[in-house]
Amino acid sequence: MTPTPAPGTRTPAGQAREKILTTAFRLFYAHGLRAAGIDTIIAESGVAKATFYKYFPAKDDLILAYLEKVDAVWTGQLKAAAEAAGPEPAGQLVGLFDALGTACRRDGYRGCAFINAAAESAAGTRVHQRTVAHKQQILHWLETLADQAGAGDPAHLARSLSLLLDGGLAGGALDADPAAADAARSAAAELVAAAIGRAPVRTSREEP
């Protein structure tokens, strides 16, 4: 990973947008959307103010780009964890919670970036709408897996797992205890089992 330049160091134009976004990613997640100011992001990314505004005319434009990046990273991690659990949709619904466990154990973990962003943005704004869109996308994916797993009410199971996932994300930050993720995974296994009428599913990553 290329280190963030020291304040005052100018970044080549071709790298400027990515430098700004990488710096914003770190500062927004660590300090919050409003606490991380434009001047700090400009200084730490090493770009001229005019260059910053060329790419991001308003702070909300940068926040939306940050959320797009978070979406790609987090959704990718969830889907990778689901696929690692094996080919069965029921197992994937449980296995995706392994991504939660990994996230909660990461240094500097501060919960879900989308929940944090929603808490800092007013309903109806572009930022708040983007947080809602992310949650709806995850919910749709969960419902698709639930349907493939044979759940009697895929929408209900998806909603329950989504709430459990969000609760695990929040709990891991509030309690500073990764055990929240383990509890969420166990509860997910029980929910999936009840929804499809089987014993709690095992995934390929669990011991027999």
N, C-alpha and C. Protein backbone atom coordinates (compact mmCIF):
# COMPACT_ATOMS: atom_id res chain seq x y z
N MET A 1 0.85 -1.19 0.00
CA MET A 1 0.00 0.00 0.00
C MET A 1 0.88 1.24 0.00
N THR A 2 0.58 2.20 -0.87
CA THR A 2 1.34 3.44 -0.93
C THR A 2 1.02 4.29 0.27
N PRO A 3 2.04 4.76 1.03
CA PRO A 3 1.75 5.56 2.21
C PRO A 3 1.14 6.89 1.85
N THR A 4 0.33 7.43 2.76
CA THR A 4 -0.25 8.75 2.56
C THR A 4 0.84 9.79 2.66
N PRO A 5 0.94 10.74 1.71
CA PRO A 5 2.01 11.72 1.75
C PRO A 5 1.88 12.63 2.95
N ALA A 6 3.01 13.16 3.40
CA ALA A 6 3.00 14.10 4.51
C ALA A 6 2.32 15.39 4.08
N PRO A 7 1.69 16.12 5.02
CA PRO A 7 1.07 17.40 4.69
C PRO A 7 2.05 18.30 3.96
N GLY A 8 1.58 18.92 2.90
CA GLY A 8 2.41 19.82 2.13
C GLY A 8 3.06 19.17 0.93
N THR A 9 3.09 17.83 0.89
CA THR A 9 3.66 17.12 -0.23
C THR A 9 2.64 17.03 -1.35
N ARG A 10 2.97 17.49 -2.52
CA ARG A 10 2.03 17.49 -3.63
C ARG A 10 1.98 16.13 -4.31
N THR A 11 0.80 15.73 -4.66
CA THR A 11 0.55 14.45 -5.31
C THR A 11 0.40 14.66 -6.81
N PRO A 12 1.01 13.81 -7.66
CA PRO A 12 0.82 13.94 -9.11
C PRO A 12 -0.65 13.90 -9.49
N ALA A 13 -1.00 14.67 -10.51
CA ALA A 13 -2.40 14.83 -10.89
C ALA A 13 -3.10 13.49 -11.17
N GLY A 14 -2.38 12.57 -11.82
CA GLY A 14 -3.00 11.31 -12.17
C GLY A 14 -3.38 10.46 -10.98
N GLN A 15 -2.75 10.72 -9.83
CA GLN A 15 -3.04 9.93 -8.63
C GLN A 15 -3.92 10.69 -7.65
N ALA A 16 -4.26 11.92 -7.97
CA ALA A 16 -4.90 12.80 -6.98
C ALA A 16 -6.23 12.27 -6.48
N ARG A 17 -7.11 11.84 -7.38
CA ARG A 17 -8.43 11.41 -6.94
C ARG A 17 -8.34 10.22 -6.00
N GLU A 18 -7.48 9.26 -6.35
CA GLU A 18 -7.37 8.07 -5.51
C GLU A 18 -6.73 8.41 -4.16
N LYS A 19 -5.78 9.33 -4.15
CA LYS A 19 -5.16 9.76 -2.90
C LYS A 19 -6.19 10.42 -1.99
N ILE A 20 -7.01 11.27 -2.58
CA ILE A 20 -8.06 11.95 -1.80
C ILE A 20 -9.01 10.90 -1.21
N LEU A 21 -9.43 9.96 -2.04
CA LEU A 21 -10.40 8.97 -1.60
C LEU A 21 -9.81 8.04 -0.54
N THR A 22 -8.56 7.64 -0.71
CA THR A 22 -7.91 6.78 0.28
C THR A 22 -7.79 7.49 1.62
N THR A 23 -7.42 8.77 1.57
CA THR A 23 -7.31 9.55 2.81
C THR A 23 -8.68 9.72 3.46
N ALA A 24 -9.68 10.04 2.65
CA ALA A 24 -11.04 10.21 3.18
C ALA A 24 -11.55 8.91 3.78
N PHE A 25 -11.26 7.81 3.15
CA PHE A 25 -11.69 6.49 3.66
C PHE A 25 -11.19 6.31 5.09
N ARG A 26 -9.93 6.59 5.29
CA ARG A 26 -9.33 6.42 6.62
C ARG A 26 -9.91 7.40 7.64
N LEU A 27 -10.00 8.67 7.26
CA LEU A 27 -10.44 9.70 8.21
C LEU A 27 -11.94 9.63 8.48
N PHE A 28 -12.74 9.39 7.45
CA PHE A 28 -14.18 9.29 7.66
C PHE A 28 -14.52 8.13 8.58
N TYR A 29 -13.87 7.00 8.36
CA TYR A 29 -14.20 5.84 9.19
C TYR A 29 -13.71 6.01 10.62
N ALA A 30 -12.54 6.60 10.79
CA ALA A 30 -11.96 6.74 12.12
C ALA A 30 -12.62 7.84 12.95
N HIS A 31 -13.02 8.93 12.28
CA HIS A 31 -13.48 10.11 13.02
C HIS A 31 -14.93 10.52 12.75
N GLY A 32 -15.53 9.98 11.69
CA GLY A 32 -16.89 10.37 11.34
C GLY A 32 -16.90 11.32 10.15
N LEU A 33 -18.03 11.39 9.50
CA LEU A 33 -18.14 12.17 8.26
C LEU A 33 -17.99 13.66 8.51
N ARG A 34 -18.55 14.16 9.57
CA ARG A 34 -18.53 15.61 9.81
C ARG A 34 -17.26 16.06 10.52
N ALA A 35 -16.70 15.20 11.39
CA ALA A 35 -15.51 15.58 12.13
C ALA A 35 -14.28 15.67 11.23
N ALA A 36 -14.24 14.84 10.19
CA ALA A 36 -13.11 14.87 9.25
C ALA A 36 -13.34 16.00 8.25
N GLY A 37 -12.62 17.08 8.41
CA GLY A 37 -12.84 18.26 7.58
C GLY A 37 -12.13 18.22 6.25
N ILE A 38 -12.61 19.04 5.33
CA ILE A 38 -12.03 19.11 3.99
C ILE A 38 -10.57 19.54 4.05
N ASP A 39 -10.25 20.54 4.87
CA ASP A 39 -8.87 21.04 4.94
C ASP A 39 -7.91 19.95 5.40
N THR A 40 -8.35 19.13 6.36
CA THR A 40 -7.50 18.03 6.84
C THR A 40 -7.30 16.99 5.74
N ILE A 41 -8.37 16.66 5.02
CA ILE A 41 -8.27 15.67 3.95
C ILE A 41 -7.35 16.18 2.85
N ILE A 42 -7.45 17.46 2.50
CA ILE A 42 -6.58 18.04 1.47
C ILE A 42 -5.13 17.98 1.92
N ALA A 43 -4.86 18.38 3.17
CA ALA A 43 -3.49 18.40 3.67
C ALA A 43 -2.88 17.01 3.70
N GLU A 44 -3.64 16.04 4.20
CA GLU A 44 -3.10 14.70 4.35
C GLU A 44 -3.01 13.92 3.03
N SER A 45 -3.81 14.32 2.06
CA SER A 45 -3.73 13.66 0.76
C SER A 45 -2.68 14.31 -0.15
N GLY A 46 -2.23 15.52 0.23
CA GLY A 46 -1.16 16.17 -0.54
C GLY A 46 -1.59 16.72 -1.88
N VAL A 47 -2.82 17.20 -1.98
CA VAL A 47 -3.30 17.78 -3.24
C VAL A 47 -3.60 19.26 -3.02
N ALA A 48 -3.61 20.00 -4.12
CA ALA A 48 -4.00 21.40 -4.05
C ALA A 48 -5.52 21.50 -3.85
N LYS A 49 -5.95 22.57 -3.24
CA LYS A 49 -7.38 22.75 -2.98
C LYS A 49 -8.17 22.75 -4.30
N ALA A 50 -7.61 23.39 -5.32
CA ALA A 50 -8.29 23.42 -6.61
C ALA A 50 -8.44 22.02 -7.20
N THR A 51 -7.43 21.18 -6.98
CA THR A 51 -7.49 19.80 -7.47
C THR A 51 -8.58 19.02 -6.74
N PHE A 52 -8.65 19.23 -5.43
CA PHE A 52 -9.68 18.56 -4.65
C PHE A 52 -11.06 18.90 -5.20
N TYR A 53 -11.34 20.18 -5.38
CA TYR A 53 -12.68 20.59 -5.81
C TYR A 53 -12.95 20.23 -7.27
N LYS A 54 -11.91 19.99 -8.03
CA LYS A 54 -12.09 19.50 -9.40
C LYS A 54 -12.76 18.13 -9.38
N TYR A 55 -12.32 17.29 -8.46
CA TYR A 55 -12.86 15.93 -8.38
C TYR A 55 -14.09 15.84 -7.49
N PHE A 56 -14.13 16.66 -6.45
CA PHE A 56 -15.24 16.60 -5.49
C PHE A 56 -15.73 18.01 -5.19
N PRO A 57 -16.65 18.52 -6.01
CA PRO A 57 -17.13 19.91 -5.86
C PRO A 57 -17.75 20.19 -4.49
N ALA A 58 -18.31 19.17 -3.85
CA ALA A 58 -18.91 19.33 -2.53
C ALA A 58 -18.48 18.16 -1.66
N LYS A 59 -18.50 18.37 -0.35
CA LYS A 59 -18.09 17.31 0.56
C LYS A 59 -18.96 16.07 0.40
N ASP A 60 -20.25 16.26 0.15
CA ASP A 60 -21.13 15.10 -0.03
C ASP A 60 -20.71 14.26 -1.22
N ASP A 61 -20.11 14.87 -2.24
CA ASP A 61 -19.62 14.10 -3.38
C ASP A 61 -18.51 13.15 -2.94
N LEU A 62 -17.65 13.64 -2.06
CA LEU A 62 -16.58 12.79 -1.53
C LEU A 62 -17.15 11.70 -0.62
N ILE A 63 -18.12 12.06 0.20
CA ILE A 63 -18.74 11.07 1.09
C ILE A 63 -19.39 9.96 0.28
N LEU A 64 -20.07 10.32 -0.80
CA LEU A 64 -20.71 9.31 -1.63
C LEU A 64 -19.68 8.40 -2.29
N ALA A 65 -18.55 8.97 -2.72
CA ALA A 65 -17.49 8.15 -3.30
C ALA A 65 -16.91 7.20 -2.25
N TYR A 66 -16.77 7.70 -1.04
CA TYR A 66 -16.30 6.88 0.09
C TYR A 66 -17.26 5.72 0.34
N LEU A 67 -18.56 6.00 0.35
CA LEU A 67 -19.55 4.95 0.59
C LEU A 67 -19.56 3.91 -0.53
N GLU A 68 -19.31 4.36 -1.76
CA GLU A 68 -19.22 3.41 -2.88
C GLU A 68 -18.06 2.45 -2.64
N LYS A 69 -16.94 3.00 -2.16
CA LYS A 69 -15.76 2.17 -1.91
C LYS A 69 -16.03 1.21 -0.76
N VAL A 70 -16.65 1.71 0.30
CA VAL A 70 -17.01 0.84 1.43
C VAL A 70 -17.94 -0.28 0.97
N ASP A 71 -18.91 0.06 0.14
CA ASP A 71 -19.87 -0.91 -0.37
C ASP A 71 -19.14 -2.04 -1.10
N ALA A 72 -18.22 -1.66 -1.98
CA ALA A 72 -17.50 -2.67 -2.76
C ALA A 72 -16.68 -3.58 -1.84
N VAL A 73 -16.02 -3.00 -0.84
CA VAL A 73 -15.18 -3.78 0.07
C VAL A 73 -16.03 -4.70 0.94
N TRP A 74 -17.04 -4.14 1.61
CA TRP A 74 -17.82 -4.93 2.56
C TRP A 74 -18.67 -5.99 1.86
N THR A 75 -19.32 -5.62 0.76
CA THR A 75 -20.12 -6.60 0.03
C THR A 75 -19.23 -7.73 -0.49
N GLY A 76 -18.04 -7.37 -0.94
CA GLY A 76 -17.10 -8.39 -1.41
C GLY A 76 -16.69 -9.34 -0.30
N GLN A 77 -16.48 -8.79 0.90
CA GLN A 77 -16.10 -9.63 2.04
C GLN A 77 -17.24 -10.56 2.45
N LEU A 78 -18.46 -10.05 2.45
CA LEU A 78 -19.61 -10.89 2.80
C LEU A 78 -19.78 -12.03 1.80
N LYS A 79 -19.68 -11.72 0.52
CA LYS A 79 -19.89 -12.75 -0.50
C LYS A 79 -18.74 -13.76 -0.51
N ALA A 80 -17.53 -13.29 -0.24
CA ALA A 80 -16.40 -14.22 -0.17
C ALA A 80 -16.57 -15.18 1.00
N ALA A 81 -17.03 -14.67 2.15
CA ALA A 81 -17.25 -15.53 3.32
C ALA A 81 -18.36 -16.53 3.04
N ALA A 82 -19.42 -16.09 2.36
CA ALA A 82 -20.52 -16.99 2.02
C ALA A 82 -20.03 -18.11 1.10
N GLU A 83 -19.27 -17.75 0.09
CA GLU A 83 -18.77 -18.75 -0.86
C GLU A 83 -17.80 -19.72 -0.20
N ALA A 84 -17.02 -19.22 0.77
CA ALA A 84 -16.07 -20.08 1.47
C ALA A 84 -16.77 -21.13 2.33
N ALA A 85 -18.03 -20.88 2.65
CA ALA A 85 -18.80 -21.82 3.48
C ALA A 85 -19.28 -23.03 2.70
N GLY A 86 -19.11 -23.02 1.40
CA GLY A 86 -19.54 -24.16 0.60
C GLY A 86 -20.64 -23.80 -0.37
N PRO A 87 -21.10 -24.75 -1.18
CA PRO A 87 -22.04 -24.46 -2.25
C PRO A 87 -23.50 -24.35 -1.81
N GLU A 88 -23.84 -24.86 -0.60
CA GLU A 88 -25.23 -24.87 -0.18
C GLU A 88 -25.68 -23.48 0.28
N PRO A 89 -26.79 -22.96 -0.28
CA PRO A 89 -27.27 -21.64 0.13
C PRO A 89 -27.51 -21.51 1.63
N ALA A 90 -28.01 -22.58 2.27
CA ALA A 90 -28.25 -22.52 3.72
C ALA A 90 -26.94 -22.31 4.46
N GLY A 91 -25.91 -23.00 4.07
CA GLY A 91 -24.60 -22.84 4.68
C GLY A 91 -24.02 -21.47 4.41
N GLN A 92 -24.28 -20.93 3.23
CA GLN A 92 -23.77 -19.60 2.90
C GLN A 92 -24.42 -18.52 3.75
N LEU A 93 -25.70 -18.70 4.06
CA LEU A 93 -26.40 -17.73 4.91
C LEU A 93 -25.78 -17.66 6.30
N VAL A 94 -25.23 -18.76 6.76
CA VAL A 94 -24.54 -18.78 8.05
C VAL A 94 -23.08 -18.34 7.87
N GLY A 95 -22.45 -18.87 6.84
CA GLY A 95 -21.03 -18.60 6.62
C GLY A 95 -20.70 -17.14 6.39
N LEU A 96 -21.64 -16.38 5.84
CA LEU A 96 -21.36 -14.97 5.59
C LEU A 96 -21.05 -14.22 6.87
N PHE A 97 -21.52 -14.76 8.01
CA PHE A 97 -21.24 -14.11 9.29
C PHE A 97 -19.77 -14.23 9.69
N ASP A 98 -19.00 -15.06 8.99
CA ASP A 98 -17.56 -15.09 9.24
C ASP A 98 -16.92 -13.75 8.86
N ALA A 99 -17.50 -13.06 7.89
CA ALA A 99 -16.98 -11.73 7.53
C ALA A 99 -17.17 -10.76 8.68
N LEU A 100 -18.27 -10.92 9.41
CA LEU A 100 -18.52 -10.09 10.58
C LEU A 100 -17.45 -10.34 11.64
N GLY A 101 -17.13 -11.61 11.86
CA GLY A 101 -16.11 -11.94 12.85
C GLY A 101 -14.76 -11.34 12.49
N THR A 102 -14.40 -11.40 11.21
CA THR A 102 -13.13 -10.82 10.76
C THR A 102 -13.13 -9.31 10.96
N ALA A 103 -14.24 -8.66 10.62
CA ALA A 103 -14.33 -7.20 10.74
C ALA A 103 -14.20 -6.77 12.20
N CYS A 104 -14.89 -7.45 13.10
CA CYS A 104 -14.89 -7.06 14.52
C CYS A 104 -13.53 -7.23 15.17
N ARG A 105 -12.68 -8.05 14.60
CA ARG A 105 -11.35 -8.30 15.17
C ARG A 105 -10.29 -7.38 14.57
N ARG A 106 -10.68 -6.54 13.64
CA ARG A 106 -9.71 -5.66 12.96
C ARG A 106 -9.37 -4.46 13.83
N ASP A 107 -8.09 -4.10 13.90
CA ASP A 107 -7.69 -2.90 14.64
C ASP A 107 -8.41 -1.67 14.09
N GLY A 108 -8.89 -0.83 14.99
CA GLY A 108 -9.58 0.39 14.56
C GLY A 108 -11.02 0.17 14.17
N TYR A 109 -11.58 -1.00 14.48
CA TYR A 109 -12.96 -1.28 14.10
C TYR A 109 -13.92 -0.32 14.81
N ARG A 110 -14.80 0.30 14.02
CA ARG A 110 -15.77 1.25 14.58
C ARG A 110 -17.20 0.96 14.12
N GLY A 111 -17.48 -0.30 13.85
CA GLY A 111 -18.83 -0.64 13.44
C GLY A 111 -19.05 -0.49 11.94
N CYS A 112 -20.31 -0.48 11.57
CA CYS A 112 -20.70 -0.42 10.16
C CYS A 112 -20.60 1.01 9.65
N ALA A 113 -19.84 1.22 8.60
CA ALA A 113 -19.69 2.56 8.02
C ALA A 113 -21.02 3.11 7.53
N PHE A 114 -21.90 2.24 7.06
CA PHE A 114 -23.20 2.71 6.56
C PHE A 114 -24.13 3.10 7.69
N ILE A 115 -24.13 2.35 8.77
CA ILE A 115 -24.93 2.73 9.93
C ILE A 115 -24.41 4.05 10.50
N ASN A 116 -23.09 4.17 10.58
CA ASN A 116 -22.49 5.41 11.07
C ASN A 116 -22.86 6.59 10.19
N ALA A 117 -22.82 6.38 8.87
CA ALA A 117 -23.15 7.46 7.95
C ALA A 117 -24.62 7.84 8.04
N ALA A 118 -25.48 6.85 8.20
CA ALA A 118 -26.92 7.13 8.32
C ALA A 118 -27.20 7.96 9.57
N ALA A 119 -26.46 7.69 10.64
CA ALA A 119 -26.66 8.42 11.89
C ALA A 119 -26.25 9.88 11.76
N GLU A 120 -25.36 10.17 10.82
CA GLU A 120 -24.86 11.53 10.65
C GLU A 120 -25.55 12.29 9.51
N SER A 121 -26.49 11.67 8.84
CA SER A 121 -27.12 12.32 7.68
C SER A 121 -28.63 12.38 7.84
N ALA A 122 -29.22 13.44 7.34
CA ALA A 122 -30.66 13.62 7.44
C ALA A 122 -31.38 12.77 6.41
N ALA A 123 -32.55 12.27 6.77
CA ALA A 123 -33.36 11.49 5.83
C ALA A 123 -33.66 12.32 4.59
N GLY A 124 -33.58 11.68 3.44
CA GLY A 124 -33.87 12.36 2.19
C GLY A 124 -32.66 12.93 1.49
N THR A 125 -31.53 13.03 2.19
CA THR A 125 -30.31 13.54 1.56
C THR A 125 -29.68 12.44 0.71
N ARG A 126 -28.78 12.84 -0.17
CA ARG A 126 -28.12 11.86 -1.04
C ARG A 126 -27.33 10.85 -0.22
N VAL A 127 -26.68 11.30 0.83
CA VAL A 127 -25.89 10.39 1.65
C VAL A 127 -26.79 9.37 2.34
N HIS A 128 -27.88 9.85 2.93
CA HIS A 128 -28.78 8.92 3.61
C HIS A 128 -29.40 7.93 2.62
N GLN A 129 -29.77 8.41 1.46
CA GLN A 129 -30.34 7.52 0.45
C GLN A 129 -29.35 6.44 0.03
N ARG A 130 -28.06 6.80 0.00
CA ARG A 130 -27.05 5.80 -0.39
C ARG A 130 -26.91 4.73 0.69
N THR A 131 -27.04 5.12 1.95
CA THR A 131 -26.97 4.12 3.02
C THR A 131 -28.16 3.16 2.93
N VAL A 132 -29.33 3.70 2.63
CA VAL A 132 -30.53 2.86 2.49
C VAL A 132 -30.37 1.91 1.31
N ALA A 133 -29.83 2.42 0.20
CA ALA A 133 -29.64 1.58 -0.99
C ALA A 133 -28.71 0.41 -0.69
N HIS A 134 -27.66 0.66 0.07
CA HIS A 134 -26.73 -0.43 0.42
C HIS A 134 -27.45 -1.51 1.22
N LYS A 135 -28.20 -1.09 2.22
CA LYS A 135 -28.90 -2.07 3.05
C LYS A 135 -29.93 -2.84 2.24
N GLN A 136 -30.59 -2.20 1.30
CA GLN A 136 -31.57 -2.89 0.45
C GLN A 136 -30.88 -3.90 -0.45
N GLN A 137 -29.70 -3.58 -0.94
CA GLN A 137 -28.96 -4.51 -1.79
C GLN A 137 -28.57 -5.76 -1.01
N ILE A 138 -28.09 -5.57 0.22
CA ILE A 138 -27.73 -6.72 1.05
C ILE A 138 -28.98 -7.55 1.36
N LEU A 139 -30.07 -6.88 1.66
CA LEU A 139 -31.32 -7.57 1.97
C LEU A 139 -31.79 -8.40 0.78
N HIS A 140 -31.70 -7.86 -0.41
CA HIS A 140 -32.12 -8.58 -1.62
C HIS A 140 -31.25 -9.83 -1.82
N TRP A 141 -29.95 -9.68 -1.61
CA TRP A 141 -29.04 -10.82 -1.74
C TRP A 141 -29.39 -11.91 -0.72
N LEU A 142 -29.64 -11.51 0.52
CA LEU A 142 -30.01 -12.48 1.56
C LEU A 142 -31.32 -13.18 1.21
N GLU A 143 -32.27 -12.43 0.68
CA GLU A 143 -33.55 -13.04 0.32
C GLU A 143 -33.39 -14.04 -0.82
N THR A 144 -32.51 -13.73 -1.76
CA THR A 144 -32.25 -14.66 -2.86
C THR A 144 -31.65 -15.97 -2.33
N LEU A 145 -30.68 -15.86 -1.42
CA LEU A 145 -30.09 -17.06 -0.83
C LEU A 145 -31.12 -17.83 0.00
N ALA A 146 -31.95 -17.10 0.73
CA ALA A 146 -32.97 -17.75 1.55
C ALA A 146 -33.96 -18.52 0.69
N ASP A 147 -34.32 -17.95 -0.43
CA ASP A 147 -35.23 -18.62 -1.36
C ASP A 147 -34.57 -19.88 -1.92
N GLN A 148 -33.29 -19.76 -2.29
CA GLN A 148 -32.57 -20.92 -2.83
C GLN A 148 -32.39 -22.01 -1.78
N ALA A 149 -32.33 -21.60 -0.52
CA ALA A 149 -32.17 -22.57 0.57
C ALA A 149 -33.47 -23.29 0.91
N GLY A 150 -34.59 -22.80 0.37
CA GLY A 150 -35.88 -23.44 0.62
C GLY A 150 -36.61 -22.91 1.84
N ALA A 151 -36.30 -21.69 2.25
CA ALA A 151 -37.00 -21.11 3.40
C ALA A 151 -38.48 -20.93 3.07
N GLY A 152 -39.34 -21.19 4.04
CA GLY A 152 -40.77 -21.03 3.81
C GLY A 152 -41.16 -19.58 3.56
N ASP A 153 -40.46 -18.66 4.21
CA ASP A 153 -40.71 -17.22 4.04
C ASP A 153 -39.35 -16.55 3.85
N PRO A 154 -38.84 -16.54 2.63
CA PRO A 154 -37.50 -15.99 2.38
C PRO A 154 -37.35 -14.54 2.81
N ALA A 155 -38.38 -13.74 2.60
CA ALA A 155 -38.29 -12.32 2.96
C ALA A 155 -38.13 -12.15 4.46
N HIS A 156 -38.87 -12.95 5.23
CA HIS A 156 -38.78 -12.85 6.69
C HIS A 156 -37.41 -13.30 7.19
N LEU A 157 -36.90 -14.40 6.63
CA LEU A 157 -35.58 -14.88 7.04
C LEU A 157 -34.52 -13.85 6.68
N ALA A 158 -34.61 -13.29 5.49
CA ALA A 158 -33.63 -12.29 5.06
C ALA A 158 -33.65 -11.08 5.99
N ARG A 159 -34.85 -10.62 6.33
CA ARG A 159 -34.96 -9.46 7.22
C ARG A 159 -34.37 -9.79 8.60
N SER A 160 -34.64 -10.97 9.10
CA SER A 160 -34.11 -11.37 10.41
C SER A 160 -32.59 -11.44 10.40
N LEU A 161 -32.03 -12.02 9.34
CA LEU A 161 -30.57 -12.12 9.25
C LEU A 161 -29.93 -10.76 9.06
N SER A 162 -30.60 -9.88 8.32
CA SER A 162 -30.09 -8.52 8.13
C SER A 162 -30.02 -7.78 9.46
N LEU A 163 -31.08 -7.90 10.26
CA LEU A 163 -31.09 -7.26 11.57
C LEU A 163 -30.01 -7.85 12.47
N LEU A 164 -29.81 -9.15 12.37
CA LEU A 164 -28.79 -9.82 13.17
C LEU A 164 -27.40 -9.36 12.76
N LEU A 165 -27.19 -9.21 11.46
CA LEU A 165 -25.91 -8.74 10.95
C LEU A 165 -25.63 -7.32 11.42
N ASP A 166 -26.62 -6.45 11.29
CA ASP A 166 -26.45 -5.07 11.74
C ASP A 166 -26.22 -5.00 13.25
N GLY A 167 -26.94 -5.84 13.99
CA GLY A 167 -26.75 -5.87 15.43
C GLY A 167 -25.36 -6.34 15.81
N GLY A 168 -24.85 -7.32 15.09
CA GLY A 168 -23.49 -7.80 15.33
C GLY A 168 -22.45 -6.74 15.03
N LEU A 169 -22.67 -5.99 13.94
CA LEU A 169 -21.76 -4.90 13.57
C LEU A 169 -21.74 -3.84 14.66
N ALA A 170 -22.92 -3.48 15.15
CA ALA A 170 -23.00 -2.46 16.19
C ALA A 170 -22.46 -2.99 17.52
N GLY A 171 -22.83 -4.21 17.87
CA GLY A 171 -22.40 -4.78 19.13
C GLY A 171 -20.89 -4.93 19.22
N GLY A 172 -20.27 -5.32 18.11
CA GLY A 172 -18.82 -5.48 18.09
C GLY A 172 -18.09 -4.18 18.37
N ALA A 173 -18.71 -3.05 17.98
CA ALA A 173 -18.10 -1.75 18.23
C ALA A 173 -18.42 -1.25 19.63
N LEU A 174 -19.67 -1.39 20.07
CA LEU A 174 -20.08 -0.87 21.38
C LEU A 174 -19.43 -1.64 22.52
N ASP A 175 -19.36 -2.97 22.38
CA ASP A 175 -18.82 -3.81 23.44
C ASP A 175 -17.30 -3.96 23.35
N ALA A 176 -16.74 -3.59 22.18
CA ALA A 176 -15.31 -3.83 21.92
C ALA A 176 -14.97 -5.30 22.16
N ASP A 177 -15.91 -6.18 21.79
CA ASP A 177 -15.74 -7.60 22.05
C ASP A 177 -16.15 -8.39 20.81
N PRO A 178 -15.20 -9.06 20.15
CA PRO A 178 -15.54 -9.83 18.95
C PRO A 178 -16.46 -11.00 19.22
N ALA A 179 -16.72 -11.31 20.50
CA ALA A 179 -17.65 -12.40 20.82
C ALA A 179 -19.04 -12.08 20.30
N ALA A 180 -19.34 -10.81 20.08
CA ALA A 180 -20.64 -10.43 19.51
C ALA A 180 -20.83 -11.08 18.15
N ALA A 181 -19.76 -11.15 17.38
CA ALA A 181 -19.85 -11.77 16.05
C ALA A 181 -20.10 -13.27 16.15
N ASP A 182 -19.46 -13.90 17.13
CA ASP A 182 -19.66 -15.34 17.31
C ASP A 182 -21.10 -15.64 17.72
N ALA A 183 -21.65 -14.80 18.60
CA ALA A 183 -23.04 -14.98 19.03
C ALA A 183 -23.99 -14.77 17.86
N ALA A 184 -23.69 -13.78 17.02
CA ALA A 184 -24.54 -13.51 15.86
C ALA A 184 -24.52 -14.69 14.89
N ARG A 185 -23.36 -15.30 14.71
CA ARG A 185 -23.25 -16.44 13.80
C ARG A 185 -24.06 -17.63 14.32
N SER A 186 -23.96 -17.87 15.61
CA SER A 186 -24.71 -18.98 16.21
C SER A 186 -26.22 -18.75 16.08
N ALA A 187 -26.64 -17.51 16.31
CA ALA A 187 -28.06 -17.19 16.18
C ALA A 187 -28.51 -17.33 14.73
N ALA A 188 -27.64 -16.96 13.79
CA ALA A 188 -27.97 -17.11 12.36
C ALA A 188 -28.19 -18.57 12.01
N ALA A 189 -27.36 -19.44 12.56
CA ALA A 189 -27.52 -20.88 12.29
C ALA A 189 -28.87 -21.38 12.78
N GLU A 190 -29.30 -20.92 13.95
CA GLU A 190 -30.59 -21.32 14.49
C GLU A 190 -31.74 -20.78 13.64
N LEU A 191 -31.62 -19.53 13.21
CA LEU A 191 -32.67 -18.93 12.37
C LEU A 191 -32.81 -19.66 11.05
N VAL A 192 -31.69 -19.97 10.42
CA VAL A 192 -31.72 -20.66 9.13
C VAL A 192 -32.31 -22.05 9.30
N ALA A 193 -31.87 -22.74 10.35
CA ALA A 193 -32.39 -24.09 10.59
C ALA A 193 -33.90 -24.09 10.79
N ALA A 194 -34.39 -23.13 11.57
CA ALA A 194 -35.83 -23.05 11.81
C ALA A 194 -36.59 -22.72 10.53
N ALA A 195 -36.00 -21.88 9.69
CA ALA A 195 -36.68 -21.44 8.47
C ALA A 195 -36.78 -22.53 7.42
N ILE A 196 -35.80 -23.44 7.41
CA ILE A 196 -35.82 -24.48 6.38
C ILE A 196 -36.18 -25.84 6.95
N GLY A 197 -36.46 -25.90 8.26
CA GLY A 197 -36.92 -27.15 8.86
C GLY A 197 -35.87 -28.21 8.96
N ARG A 198 -34.63 -27.80 9.27
CA ARG A 198 -33.55 -28.77 9.45
C ARG A 198 -32.84 -28.51 10.76
N ALA A 199 -31.92 -29.43 11.09
CA ALA A 199 -31.01 -29.16 12.21
C ALA A 199 -30.10 -28.01 11.79
N PRO A 200 -29.53 -27.30 12.75
CA PRO A 200 -28.64 -26.19 12.41
C PRO A 200 -27.57 -26.61 11.40
N VAL A 201 -27.42 -25.80 10.36
CA VAL A 201 -26.51 -26.16 9.27
C VAL A 201 -25.07 -26.00 9.71
N ARG A 202 -24.23 -26.88 9.17
CA ARG A 202 -22.77 -26.76 9.34
C ARG A 202 -22.19 -26.28 8.02
N THR A 203 -21.12 -25.51 8.11
CA THR A 203 -20.46 -25.06 6.89
C THR A 203 -19.14 -25.78 6.77
N SER A 204 -18.50 -25.64 5.62
CA SER A 204 -17.24 -26.33 5.37
C SER A 204 -16.11 -25.88 6.27
N ARG A 205 -16.31 -24.74 6.98
CA ARG A 205 -15.26 -24.22 7.84
C ARG A 205 -15.41 -24.67 9.29
N GLU A 206 -16.47 -25.43 9.58
CA GLU A 206 -16.70 -25.89 10.94
C GLU A 206 -16.23 -27.32 11.13
N GLU A 207 -15.82 -27.62 12.35
CA GLU A 207 -15.42 -29.00 12.67
C GLU A 207 -16.66 -29.86 12.86
N PRO A 208 -16.63 -31.11 12.45
CA PRO A 208 -17.78 -32.01 12.66
C PRO A 208 -17.96 -32.32 14.14
